[in-house]
Every structure is written in structure tokens, then in C-alpha cells.
PDB file of N, CA and C in Angstrom:
ATOM      1  N   UNK A   1      -9.167  -3.818  -4.116  1.00  0.00           N
ATOM      2  CA  UNK A   1      -8.439  -4.480  -2.866  1.00  0.00           C
ATOM      3  C   UNK A   1      -8.829  -4.057  -2.045  1.00  0.00           C
ATOM      4  N   UNK A   2      -9.422  -2.888  -1.663  1.00  0.00           N
ATOM      5  CA  UNK A   2     -10.618  -2.720  -0.234  1.00  0.00           C
ATOM      6  C   UNK A   2     -11.448  -3.314  -0.393  1.00  0.00           C
ATOM      7  N   UNK A   3     -12.133  -3.700  -1.224  1.00  0.00           N
ATOM      8  CA  UNK A   3     -13.602  -4.479  -1.619  1.00  0.00           C
ATOM      9  C   UNK A   3     -13.396  -5.785  -0.911  1.00  0.00           C
ATOM     10  N   UNK A   4     -12.504  -6.655  -0.672  1.00  0.00           N
ATOM     11  CA  UNK A   4     -12.275  -8.042  -0.135  1.00  0.00           C
ATOM     12  C   UNK A   4     -11.914  -7.905   1.179  1.00  0.00           C
ATOM     13  N   UNK A   5     -11.620  -6.263   1.761  1.00  0.00           N
ATOM     14  CA  UNK A   5     -11.794  -6.571   2.992  1.00  0.00           C
ATOM     15  C   UNK A   5     -12.864  -6.647   4.366  1.00  0.00           C
ATOM     16  N   UNK A   6     -12.711  -7.606   5.389  1.00  0.00           N
ATOM     17  CA  UNK A   6     -13.877  -7.412   6.100  1.00  0.00           C
ATOM     18  C   UNK A   6     -13.899  -6.720   7.044  1.00  0.00           C
ATOM     19  N   UNK A   7     -15.287  -6.381   7.121  1.00  0.00           N
ATOM     20  CA  UNK A   7     -15.882  -5.273   8.049  1.00  0.00           C
ATOM     21  C   UNK A   7     -16.975  -5.774   9.209  1.00  0.00           C
ATOM     22  N   UNK A   8     -17.218  -4.928   9.673  1.00  0.00           N
ATOM     23  CA  UNK A   8     -18.250  -5.237  10.489  1.00  0.00           C
ATOM     24  C   UNK A   8     -19.632  -4.022  10.893  1.00  0.00           C
ATOM     25  N   UNK A   9     -20.715  -4.050  10.349  1.00  0.00           N
ATOM     26  CA  UNK A   9     -22.045  -2.543  10.890  1.00  0.00           C
ATOM     27  C   UNK A   9     -22.413  -3.060  12.432  1.00  0.00           C
ATOM     28  N   UNK A  10     -22.269  -2.289  12.961  1.00  0.00           N
ATOM     29  CA  UNK A  10     -22.978  -2.388  13.976  1.00  0.00           C
ATOM     30  C   UNK A  10     -24.339  -1.333  14.770  1.00  0.00           C
ATOM     31  N   UNK A  11     -25.249  -1.611  14.495  1.00  0.00           N
ATOM     32  CA  UNK A  11     -26.372  -0.857  14.546  1.00  0.00           C
ATOM     33  C   UNK A  11     -27.272  -0.635  15.918  1.00  0.00           C
ATOM     34  N   UNK A  12     -27.235   0.068  16.538  1.00  0.00           N
ATOM     35  CA  UNK A  12     -27.824   0.819  17.649  1.00  0.00           C
ATOM     36  C   UNK A  12     -27.253  -0.214  18.574  1.00  0.00           C
ATOM     37  N   UNK A  13     -26.256  -0.247  18.837  1.00  0.00           N
ATOM     38  CA  UNK A  13     -25.310  -0.989  20.130  1.00  0.00           C
ATOM     39  C   UNK A  13     -25.891  -0.212  21.386  1.00  0.00           C
ATOM     40  N   UNK A  14     -26.288  -1.348  22.318  1.00  0.00           N
ATOM     41  CA  UNK A  14     -25.924  -1.257  23.941  1.00  0.00           C
ATOM     42  C   UNK A  14     -28.018  -0.747  23.949  1.00  0.00           C
ATOM     43  N   UNK A  15     -28.774  -1.067  23.097  1.00  0.00           N
ATOM     44  CA  UNK A  15     -29.899  -0.448  22.877  1.00  0.00           C
ATOM     45  C   UNK A  15     -30.675  -2.218  22.516  1.00  0.00           C
ATOM     46  N   UNK A  16     -32.320  -1.794  22.550  1.00  0.00           N
ATOM     47  CA  UNK A  16     -32.662  -3.095  22.465  1.00  0.00           C
ATOM     48  C   UNK A  16     -32.342  -3.544  21.145  1.00  0.00           C
ATOM     49  N   UNK A  17     -32.799  -3.081  20.165  1.00  0.00           N
ATOM     50  CA  UNK A  17     -32.804  -3.529  18.768  1.00  0.00           C
ATOM     51  C   UNK A  17     -31.060  -3.654  18.322  1.00  0.00           C
ATOM     52  N   UNK A  18     -30.482  -4.055  18.818  1.00  0.00           N
ATOM     53  CA  UNK A  18     -28.893  -3.606  18.675  1.00  0.00           C
ATOM     54  C   UNK A  18     -28.544  -5.407  17.711  1.00  0.00           C
ATOM     55  N   UNK A  19     -27.898  -4.686  16.315  1.00  0.00           N
ATOM     56  CA  UNK A  19     -27.764  -5.523  15.160  1.00  0.00           C
ATOM     57  C   UNK A  19     -26.294  -5.470  14.966  1.00  0.00           C
ATOM     58  N   UNK A  20     -26.071  -6.727  14.449  1.00  0.00           N
ATOM     59  CA  UNK A  20     -24.608  -6.423  13.862  1.00  0.00           C
ATOM     60  C   UNK A  20     -24.537  -7.734  12.435  1.00  0.00           C
ATOM     61  N   UNK A  21     -23.724  -6.414  11.552  1.00  0.00           N
ATOM     62  CA  UNK A  21     -23.501  -7.682  10.334  1.00  0.00           C
ATOM     63  C   UNK A  21     -22.008  -7.854   9.798  1.00  0.00           C
ATOM     64  N   UNK A  22     -22.102  -8.855   9.489  1.00  0.00           N
ATOM     65  CA  UNK A  22     -19.953  -8.956   9.375  1.00  0.00           C
ATOM     66  C   UNK A  22     -20.202  -9.991   7.959  1.00  0.00           C
ATOM     67  N   UNK A  23     -19.209  -9.301   7.083  1.00  0.00           N
ATOM     68  CA  UNK A  23     -18.559  -9.599   5.833  1.00  0.00           C
ATOM     69  C   UNK A  23     -17.502  -8.896   5.123  1.00  0.00           C
ATOM     70  N   UNK A  24     -17.709  -9.021   3.848  1.00  0.00           N
ATOM     71  CA  UNK A  24     -16.588  -8.224   2.787  1.00  0.00           C
ATOM     72  C   UNK A  24     -17.795  -6.716   2.693  1.00  0.00           C
ATOM     73  N   UNK A  25     -16.370  -5.992   2.115  1.00  0.00           N
ATOM     74  CA  UNK A  25     -17.042  -4.278   1.665  1.00  0.00           C
ATOM     75  C   UNK A  25     -18.030  -4.573   0.737  1.00  0.00           C
ATOM     76  N   UNK A  26     -17.858  -5.318  -0.469  1.00  0.00           N
ATOM     77  CA  UNK A  26     -18.310  -5.980  -1.529  1.00  0.00           C
ATOM     78  C   UNK A  26     -20.109  -6.233  -0.805  1.00  0.00           C
ATOM     79  N   UNK A  27     -19.809  -7.146  -0.036  1.00  0.00           N
ATOM     80  CA  UNK A  27     -21.048  -8.033   0.544  1.00  0.00           C
ATOM     81  C   UNK A  27     -21.968  -6.960   1.162  1.00  0.00           C
ATOM     82  N   UNK A  28     -21.080  -6.115   1.974  1.00  0.00           N
ATOM     83  CA  UNK A  28     -21.437  -4.600   2.596  1.00  0.00           C
ATOM     84  C   UNK A  28     -22.547  -3.762   1.778  1.00  0.00           C
ATOM     85  N   UNK A  29     -21.856  -3.847   0.583  1.00  0.00           N
ATOM     86  CA  UNK A  29     -22.383  -2.628   0.087  1.00  0.00           C
ATOM     87  C   UNK A  29     -23.869  -3.179  -0.738  1.00  0.00           C
ATOM     88  N   UNK A  30     -23.712  -4.452  -1.278  1.00  0.00           N
ATOM     89  CA  UNK A  30     -24.620  -5.523  -1.863  1.00  0.00           C
ATOM     90  C   UNK A  30     -26.464  -5.344  -1.132  1.00  0.00           C
ATOM     91  N   UNK A  31     -25.795  -5.515   0.234  1.00  0.00           N
ATOM     92  CA  UNK A  31     -26.716  -5.675   1.825  1.00  0.00           C
ATOM     93  C   UNK A  31     -27.255  -4.389   2.115  1.00  0.00           C
ATOM     94  N   UNK A  32     -26.392  -3.332   2.070  1.00  0.00           N
ATOM     95  CA  UNK A  32     -27.197  -2.003   2.583  1.00  0.00           C
ATOM     96  C   UNK A  32     -27.860  -1.390   1.022  1.00  0.00           C
ATOM     97  N   UNK A  33     -27.371  -1.453  -0.201  1.00  0.00           N
ATOM     98  CA  UNK A  33     -28.072  -1.142  -0.745  1.00  0.00           C
ATOM     99  C   UNK A  33     -29.732  -2.217  -1.083  1.00  0.00           C
ATOM    100  N   UNK A  34     -29.427  -3.183  -0.400  1.00  0.00           N
ATOM    101  CA  UNK A  34     -31.154  -3.516  -0.607  1.00  0.00           C
ATOM    102  C   UNK A  34     -31.991  -3.245   0.577  1.00  0.00           C
ATOM    103  N   UNK A  35     -31.153  -3.080   1.705  1.00  0.00           N
ATOM    104  CA  UNK A  35     -31.769  -2.584   2.982  1.00  0.00           C
ATOM    105  C   UNK A  35     -31.066  -2.024   3.826  1.00  0.00           C
ATOM    106  N   UNK A  36     -31.439  -0.443   3.700  1.00  0.00           N
ATOM    107  CA  UNK A  36     -30.534   0.526   4.350  1.00  0.00           C
ATOM    108  C   UNK A  36     -30.894   0.579   5.584  1.00  0.00           C
ATOM    109  N   UNK A  37     -29.660   0.785   6.404  1.00  0.00           N
ATOM    110  CA  UNK A  37     -30.358   0.149   8.081  1.00  0.00           C
ATOM    111  C   UNK A  37     -30.530   1.554   8.614  1.00  0.00           C
ATOM    112  N   UNK A  38     -31.010   1.511   9.648  1.00  0.00           N
ATOM    113  CA  UNK A  38     -31.438   3.111  10.112  1.00  0.00           C
ATOM    114  C   UNK A  38     -30.877   3.043  11.781  1.00  0.00           C
ATOM    115  N   UNK A  39     -31.052   4.574  12.076  1.00  0.00           N
ATOM    116  CA  UNK A  39     -30.244   4.678  13.229  1.00  0.00           C
ATOM    117  C   UNK A  39     -28.951   4.916  13.777  1.00  0.00           C
ATOM    118  N   UNK A  40     -28.558   4.666  14.913  1.00  0.00           N
ATOM    119  CA  UNK A  40     -26.985   5.025  14.988  1.00  0.00           C
ATOM    120  C   UNK A  40     -26.418   3.856  14.408  1.00  0.00           C
ATOM    121  N   UNK A  41     -25.170   3.897  13.312  1.00  0.00           N
ATOM    122  CA  UNK A  41     -24.723   2.863  12.910  1.00  0.00           C
ATOM    123  C   UNK A  41     -22.688   3.055  13.638  1.00  0.00           C
ATOM    124  N   UNK A  42     -22.416   1.733  13.323  1.00  0.00           N
ATOM    125  CA  UNK A  42     -20.747   2.110  13.421  1.00  0.00           C
ATOM    126  C   UNK A  42     -20.115   1.088  12.312  1.00  0.00           C
ATOM    127  N   UNK A  43     -19.482   1.256  11.516  1.00  0.00           N
ATOM    128  CA  UNK A  43     -18.714   0.505  10.439  1.00  0.00           C
ATOM    129  C   UNK A  43     -17.470   0.373  10.687  1.00  0.00           C
ATOM    130  N   UNK A  44     -17.089  -0.495  11.136  1.00  0.00           N
ATOM    131  CA  UNK A  44     -15.582  -0.948  11.054  1.00  0.00           C
ATOM    132  C   UNK A  44     -14.785  -1.791   9.937  1.00  0.00           C
ATOM    133  N   UNK A  45     -13.637  -1.041   9.553  1.00  0.00           N
ATOM    134  CA  UNK A  45     -13.204  -1.805   8.321  1.00  0.00           C
ATOM    135  C   UNK A  45     -11.582  -2.717   8.975  1.00  0.00           C
ATOM    136  N   UNK A  46     -11.609  -3.952   8.466  1.00  0.00           N
ATOM    137  CA  UNK A  46     -10.501  -4.697   8.547  1.00  0.00           C
ATOM    138  C   UNK A  46      -9.092  -3.555   8.257  1.00  0.00           C
ATOM    139  N   UNK A  47      -8.214  -3.534   9.139  1.00  0.00           N
ATOM    140  CA  UNK A  47      -6.784  -2.569   8.699  1.00  0.00           C
ATOM    141  C   UNK A  47      -6.344  -3.611   7.386  1.00  0.00           C
ATOM    142  N   UNK A  48      -4.995  -2.779   7.308  1.00  0.00           N
ATOM    143  CA  UNK A  48      -4.271  -3.534   6.050  1.00  0.00           C
ATOM    144  C   UNK A  48      -3.521  -4.451   6.547  1.00  0.00           C
ATOM    145  N   UNK A  49      -3.311  -5.531   5.587  1.00  0.00           N
ATOM    146  CA  UNK A  49      -2.623  -6.909   6.045  1.00  0.00           C
ATOM    147  C   UNK A  49      -1.191  -6.789   5.764  1.00  0.00           C
ATOM    148  N   UNK A  50      -0.775  -7.447   6.399  1.00  0.00           N
ATOM    149  CA  UNK A  50       0.749  -7.842   6.509  1.00  0.00           C
ATOM    150  C   UNK A  50       0.916  -8.723   5.228  1.00  0.00           C
ATOM    151  N   UNK A  51       0.825  -8.449   4.206  1.00  0.00           N
ATOM    152  CA  UNK A  51       1.050  -9.474   3.290  1.00  0.00           C
ATOM    153  C   UNK A  51       2.498  -9.761   2.549  1.00  0.00           C
ATOM    154  N   UNK A  52       2.374 -11.391   2.196  1.00  0.00           N
ATOM    155  CA  UNK A  52       3.511 -11.793   2.223  1.00  0.00           C
ATOM    156  C   UNK A  52       3.655 -11.420   0.340  1.00  0.00           C
ATOM    157  N   UNK A  53       2.823 -10.242  -0.085  1.00  0.00           N
ATOM    158  CA  UNK A  53       3.325 -10.056  -1.411  1.00  0.00           C
ATOM    159  C   UNK A  53       4.997  -9.533  -1.410  1.00  0.00           C
ATOM    160  N   UNK A  54       5.605  -9.987  -2.283  1.00  0.00           N
ATOM    161  CA  UNK A  54       7.091  -9.576  -2.172  1.00  0.00           C
ATOM    162  C   UNK A  54       7.269  -8.370  -2.731  1.00  0.00           C
ATOM    163  N   UNK A  55       6.641  -7.522  -3.252  1.00  0.00           N
ATOM    164  CA  UNK A  55       6.380  -6.146  -4.268  1.00  0.00           C
ATOM    165  C   UNK A  55       7.702  -6.632  -5.341  1.00  0.00           C
ATOM    166  N   UNK A  56       7.896  -5.465  -5.889  1.00  0.00           N
ATOM    167  CA  UNK A  56       8.635  -5.325  -6.776  1.00  0.00           C
ATOM    168  C   UNK A  56      10.025  -6.285  -6.730  1.00  0.00           C
ATOM    169  N   UNK A  57      10.468  -6.687  -8.178  1.00  0.00           N
ATOM    170  CA  UNK A  57      11.988  -7.601  -7.623  1.00  0.00           C
ATOM    171  C   UNK A  57      13.226  -6.341  -7.840  1.00  0.00           C
ATOM    172  N   UNK A  58      13.951  -7.164  -7.538  1.00  0.00           N
ATOM    173  CA  UNK A  58      15.464  -5.977  -7.527  1.00  0.00           C
ATOM    174  C   UNK A  58      15.691  -5.834  -8.810  1.00  0.00           C
ATOM    175  N   UNK A  59      15.418  -6.629  -9.922  1.00  0.00           N
ATOM    176  CA  UNK A  59      16.008  -6.394 -10.812  1.00  0.00           C
ATOM    177  C   UNK A  59      15.111  -5.168 -11.727  1.00  0.00           C
ATOM    178  N   UNK A  60      13.445  -5.099 -11.090  1.00  0.00           N
ATOM    179  CA  UNK A  60      12.722  -4.116 -11.791  1.00  0.00           C
ATOM    180  C   UNK A  60      13.144  -2.624 -10.598  1.00  0.00           C
ATOM    181  N   UNK A  61      13.416  -2.762  -9.629  1.00  0.00           N
ATOM    182  CA  UNK A  61      14.089  -1.771  -8.863  1.00  0.00           C
ATOM    183  C   UNK A  61      15.219  -1.495  -9.532  1.00  0.00           C
ATOM    184  N   UNK A  62      16.579  -1.751 -10.064  1.00  0.00           N
ATOM    185  CA  UNK A  62      17.372  -1.453 -10.931  1.00  0.00           C
ATOM    186  C   UNK A  62      17.374  -0.956 -11.991  1.00  0.00           C
ATOM    187  N   UNK A  63      15.898  -1.505 -12.884  1.00  0.00           N
ATOM    188  CA  UNK A  63      15.939  -0.909 -13.758  1.00  0.00           C
ATOM    189  C   UNK A  63      15.152   0.246 -13.941  1.00  0.00           C
ATOM    190  N   UNK A  64      14.472   0.433 -12.832  1.00  0.00           N
ATOM    191  CA  UNK A  64      13.984   2.250 -12.646  1.00  0.00           C
ATOM    192  C   UNK A  64      14.839   3.034 -12.222  1.00  0.00           C
ATOM    193  N   UNK A  65      15.445   2.308 -11.325  1.00  0.00           N
ATOM    194  CA  UNK A  65      16.899   3.360 -10.861  1.00  0.00           C
ATOM    195  C   UNK A  65      18.055   4.125 -12.195  1.00  0.00           C
ATOM    196  N   UNK A  66      18.133   3.129 -12.846  1.00  0.00           N
ATOM    197  CA  UNK A  66      18.989   2.967 -14.210  1.00  0.00           C
ATOM    198  C   UNK A  66      18.445   4.237 -14.961  1.00  0.00           C
ATOM    199  N   UNK A  67      17.384   4.144 -15.178  1.00  0.00           N
ATOM    200  CA  UNK A  67      16.660   5.239 -15.960  1.00  0.00           C
ATOM    201  C   UNK A  67      16.556   6.702 -15.232  1.00  0.00           C
ATOM    202  N   UNK A  68      15.832   6.380 -14.152  1.00  0.00           N
ATOM    203  CA  UNK A  68      16.255   7.977 -13.663  1.00  0.00           C
ATOM    204  C   UNK A  68      17.620   8.374 -13.705  1.00  0.00           C
ATOM    205  N   UNK A  69      18.663   7.506 -13.009  1.00  0.00           N
ATOM    206  CA  UNK A  69      20.220   7.961 -13.361  1.00  0.00           C
ATOM    207  C   UNK A  69      20.587   8.812 -14.778  1.00  0.00           C
ATOM    208  N   UNK A  70      20.379   7.766 -15.651  1.00  0.00           N
ATOM    209  CA  UNK A  70      20.265   8.036 -17.004  1.00  0.00           C
ATOM    210  C   UNK A  70      19.591   9.442 -17.330  1.00  0.00           C
ATOM    211  N   UNK A  71      18.556   9.651 -17.210  1.00  0.00           N
ATOM    212  CA  UNK A  71      17.963  11.034 -17.328  1.00  0.00           C
ATOM    213  C   UNK A  71      18.294  12.085 -16.298  1.00  0.00           C
ATOM    214  N   UNK A  72      19.790  11.653 -15.449  1.00  0.00           N
ATOM    215  CA  UNK A  72      20.413  13.019 -14.715  1.00  0.00           C
ATOM    216  C   UNK A  72      19.769  13.276 -13.495  1.00  0.00           C
ATOM    217  N   UNK A  73      19.096  12.482 -12.955  1.00  0.00           N
ATOM    218  CA  UNK A  73      18.803  12.696 -11.409  1.00  0.00           C
ATOM    219  C   UNK A  73      19.879  11.939 -11.075  1.00  0.00           C
ATOM    220  N   UNK A  74      20.158  12.510  -9.396  1.00  0.00           N
ATOM    221  CA  UNK A  74      21.124  12.148  -8.274  1.00  0.00           C
ATOM    222  C   UNK A  74      20.524  10.825  -7.973  1.00  0.00           C
ATOM    223  N   UNK A  75      21.588  10.051  -7.806  1.00  0.00           N
ATOM    224  CA  UNK A  75      21.362   8.230  -7.027  1.00  0.00           C
ATOM    225  C   UNK A  75      20.346   9.209  -5.631  1.00  0.00           C
ATOM    226  N   UNK A  76      20.740  10.001  -4.604  1.00  0.00           N
ATOM    227  CA  UNK A  76      19.286   9.770  -3.766  1.00  0.00           C
ATOM    228  C   UNK A  76      18.416  10.317  -4.290  1.00  0.00           C
ATOM    229  N   UNK A  77      18.045  11.515  -5.498  1.00  0.00           N
ATOM    230  CA  UNK A  77      16.678  11.463  -6.066  1.00  0.00           C
ATOM    231  C   UNK A  77      16.159  10.446  -6.777  1.00  0.00           C
ATOM    232  N   UNK A  78      16.796   9.844  -7.631  1.00  0.00           N
ATOM    233  CA  UNK A  78      16.293   8.544  -8.278  1.00  0.00           C
ATOM    234  C   UNK A  78      15.829   7.814  -7.258  1.00  0.00           C
ATOM    235  N   UNK A  79      16.511   7.395  -5.946  1.00  0.00           N
ATOM    236  CA  UNK A  79      15.376   6.542  -4.754  1.00  0.00           C
ATOM    237  C   UNK A  79      14.604   7.080  -4.179  1.00  0.00           C
ATOM    238  N   UNK A  80      14.540   8.607  -4.135  1.00  0.00           N
ATOM    239  CA  UNK A  80      13.382   8.884  -3.519  1.00  0.00           C
ATOM    240  C   UNK A  80      12.002   8.875  -4.728  1.00  0.00           C
ATOM    241  N   UNK A  81      12.321   9.096  -5.700  1.00  0.00           N
ATOM    242  CA  UNK A  81      11.369   9.166  -6.776  1.00  0.00           C
ATOM    243  C   UNK A  81      10.734   7.344  -6.863  1.00  0.00           C
ATOM    244  N   UNK A  82      11.980   6.242  -6.799  1.00  0.00           N
ATOM    245  CA  UNK A  82      11.510   4.699  -7.026  1.00  0.00           C
ATOM    246  C   UNK A  82      10.495   4.523  -5.914  1.00  0.00           C
ATOM    247  N   UNK A  83      10.904   5.214  -4.599  1.00  0.00           N
ATOM    248  CA  UNK A  83      10.252   4.448  -3.092  1.00  0.00           C
ATOM    249  C   UNK A  83       9.041   5.105  -3.015  1.00  0.00           C
ATOM    250  N   UNK A  84       8.543   6.287  -3.517  1.00  0.00           N
ATOM    251  CA  UNK A  84       7.459   6.977  -3.397  1.00  0.00           C
ATOM    252  C   UNK A  84       6.513   6.713  -4.045  1.00  0.00           C
ATOM    253  N   UNK A  85       6.921   5.411  -5.048  1.00  0.00           N
ATOM    254  CA  UNK A  85       5.731   4.539  -5.626  1.00  0.00           C
ATOM    255  C   UNK A  85       5.527   3.368  -5.106  1.00  0.00           C
ATOM    256  N   UNK A  86       6.626   2.705  -4.040  1.00  0.00           N
ATOM    257  CA  UNK A  86       6.576   1.080  -3.601  1.00  0.00           C
ATOM    258  C   UNK A  86       6.203   1.331  -1.719  1.00  0.00           C
ATOM    259  N   UNK A  87       5.778   0.184  -1.661  1.00  0.00           N
ATOM    260  CA  UNK A  87       5.505   0.017   0.091  1.00  0.00           C
ATOM    261  C   UNK A  87       6.619  -0.494   0.423  1.00  0.00           C
ATOM    262  N   UNK A  88       8.025  -0.269  -0.286  1.00  0.00           N
ATOM    263  CA  UNK A  88       9.153  -0.683   0.006  1.00  0.00           C
ATOM    264  C   UNK A  88       9.971   0.250   0.902  1.00  0.00           C
ATOM    265  N   UNK A  89      10.870   0.336   2.161  1.00  0.00           N
ATOM    266  CA  UNK A  89      11.471   0.901   2.550  1.00  0.00           C
ATOM    267  C   UNK A  89      12.733   1.636   1.530  1.00  0.00           C
ATOM    268  N   UNK A  90      12.774   3.518   1.933  1.00  0.00           N
ATOM    269  CA  UNK A  90      13.383   4.189   0.843  1.00  0.00           C
ATOM    270  C   UNK A  90      15.171   3.187   1.072  1.00  0.00           C
ATOM    271  N   UNK A  91      15.100   3.432   2.784  1.00  0.00           N
ATOM    272  CA  UNK A  91      16.357   2.640   3.051  1.00  0.00           C
ATOM    273  C   UNK A  91      17.196   1.429   2.136  1.00  0.00           C
ATOM    274  N   UNK A  92      15.835   0.361   2.213  1.00  0.00           N
ATOM    275  CA  UNK A  92      16.464  -0.525   1.433  1.00  0.00           C
ATOM    276  C   UNK A  92      16.648  -0.296  -0.098  1.00  0.00           C
ATOM    277  N   UNK A  93      15.772   0.392  -0.966  1.00  0.00           N
ATOM    278  CA  UNK A  93      15.750   0.699  -2.267  1.00  0.00           C
ATOM    279  C   UNK A  93      17.136   1.655  -2.113  1.00  0.00           C
ATOM    280  N   UNK A  94      17.794   2.476  -1.164  1.00  0.00           N
ATOM    281  CA  UNK A  94      19.281   2.890  -1.468  1.00  0.00           C
ATOM    282  C   UNK A  94      20.199   2.173  -1.220  1.00  0.00           C
ATOM    283  N   UNK A  95      20.197   1.264  -0.662  1.00  0.00           N
ATOM    284  CA  UNK A  95      20.957  -0.021  -0.212  1.00  0.00           C
ATOM    285  C   UNK A  95      21.335  -0.273  -1.243  1.00  0.00           C
ATOM    286  N   UNK A  96      20.180  -1.032  -2.251  1.00  0.00           N
ATOM    287  CA  UNK A  96      20.486  -1.981  -3.340  1.00  0.00           C
ATOM    288  C   UNK A  96      20.713  -0.658  -4.391  1.00  0.00           C
ATOM    289  N   UNK A  97      20.419   0.605  -4.700  1.00  0.00           N
ATOM    290  CA  UNK A  97      20.862   1.760  -5.660  1.00  0.00           C
ATOM    291  C   UNK A  97      22.886   1.344  -5.237  1.00  0.00           C
ATOM    292  N   UNK A  98      23.414   1.580  -3.695  1.00  0.00           N
ATOM    293  CA  UNK A  98      24.726   1.931  -3.766  1.00  0.00           C
ATOM    294  C   UNK A  98      25.315   0.448  -3.640  1.00  0.00           C
ATOM    295  N   UNK A  99      24.913  -0.387  -3.774  1.00  0.00           N
ATOM    296  CA  UNK A  99      25.238  -1.710  -4.283  1.00  0.00           C
ATOM    297  C   UNK A  99      25.419  -1.690  -6.207  1.00  0.00           C
ATOM    298  N   UNK A 100      24.387  -1.554  -6.497  1.00  0.00           N
ATOM    299  CA  UNK A 100      24.682  -1.528  -8.380  1.00  0.00           C
ATOM    300  C   UNK A 100      25.099  -0.689  -8.951  1.00  0.00           C
ATOM    301  N   UNK A 101      24.940   0.798  -8.436  1.00  0.00           N
ATOM    302  CA  UNK A 101      25.329   2.097  -8.912  1.00  0.00           C
ATOM    303  C   UNK A 101      26.315   2.931  -8.468  1.00  0.00           C
ATOM    304  N   UNK A 102      26.617   2.586  -6.970  1.00  0.00           N
ATOM    305  CA  UNK A 102      27.683   3.210  -6.030  1.00  0.00           C
ATOM    306  C   UNK A 102      29.030   3.503  -7.043  1.00  0.00           C
ATOM    307  N   UNK A 103      29.478   2.244  -7.198  1.00  0.00           N
ATOM    308  CA  UNK A 103      30.883   2.413  -8.045  1.00  0.00           C
ATOM    309  C   UNK A 103      30.835   2.800  -9.216  1.00  0.00           C
ATOM    310  N   UNK A 104      29.790   3.000 -10.119  1.00  0.00           N
ATOM    311  CA  UNK A 104      29.459   3.766 -11.323  1.00  0.00           C
ATOM    312  C   UNK A 104      29.947   4.887 -11.193  1.00  0.00           C
ATOM    313  N   UNK A 105      29.176   5.606 -10.409  1.00  0.00           N
ATOM    314  CA  UNK A 105      28.688   7.332  -9.984  1.00  0.00           C
ATOM    315  C   UNK A 105      29.972   7.610 -10.146  1.00  0.00           C
ATOM    316  N   UNK A 106      30.658   6.981  -8.725  1.00  0.00           N
ATOM    317  CA  UNK A 106      32.263   7.770  -8.282  1.00  0.00           C
ATOM    318  C   UNK A 106      33.413   7.523  -9.491  1.00  0.00           C
ATOM    319  N   UNK A 107      33.154   6.460 -10.200  1.00  0.00           N
ATOM    320  CA  UNK A 107      34.373   6.488 -11.389  1.00  0.00           C
ATOM    321  C   UNK A 107      33.789   7.291 -12.550  1.00  0.00           C
ATOM    322  N   UNK A 108      32.442   7.992 -12.640  1.00  0.00           N
ATOM    323  CA  UNK A 108      32.416   9.077 -13.441  1.00  0.00           C
ATOM    324  C   UNK A 108      32.760  10.275 -12.935  1.00  0.00           C
ATOM    325  N   UNK A 109      32.813  10.234 -11.288  1.00  0.00           N
ATOM    326  CA  UNK A 109      33.333  11.717 -11.031  1.00  0.00           C
ATOM    327  C   UNK A 109      34.666  12.122 -11.168  1.00  0.00           C
ATOM    328  N   UNK A 110      35.641  11.033 -11.530  1.00  0.00           N
ATOM    329  CA  UNK A 110      36.963  10.930 -11.717  1.00  0.00           C
ATOM    330  C   UNK A 110      37.141  11.782 -13.058  1.00  0.00           C
TER     331      UNK A 110
END
């Protein structure tokens, strides 16, 4: 994933032999293995994009939560465990957990 991010290498900035190279990290690796630059180098890598990837589906999250609750984890612990491996906010997962399992847990307490 990191290999397809854009990057720029700046060499000897503000000097006579100033040089810039732009491309992906994969291309940078190829280029710099073939010709190793000398001197002062600054290397910048594109930040994380705000991808339109949806992440896990609601049913996938629900299944993971169900398994953890069945193993004896509390609702809040199950949410923490599921959220730790996801790029989603814990609050969103907790809301889902309450909608799907909140009533079920209350009826078990009776």
C-alpha cells in the first residue's frame, strides 16, 4: 500500500546542483538502487489518503461482535477488540453493538 504513494526527493536544495525527483515509492526504490544520489537529501512521502473504501460491512462487524460476546467478553470489551483492528471510530462500532445486542444483553441480566 505504501509503495503506490507519491513521493519527491530533493537533493542539494538552494544550491547550484539542486535536483528533484518525483514518482511513486516503488519507482524511487528502482531509481535510487540504479543511481545512488549523494549530498543532502530530503525525501517527502504523500500522506494517507482519505480513501473512499467503506471498511468492513455492518454484517462483518456484527459477526465479530457476536463471536466475542459468545466468548464471554462484555459489550464494551468486544467493541474495543473489534475497533482496535479497524479504521473505524469506536463510537460507530459501539452504536452498532447497542442496536444489535443491547436488548439481548439486558434480557440476559433478568
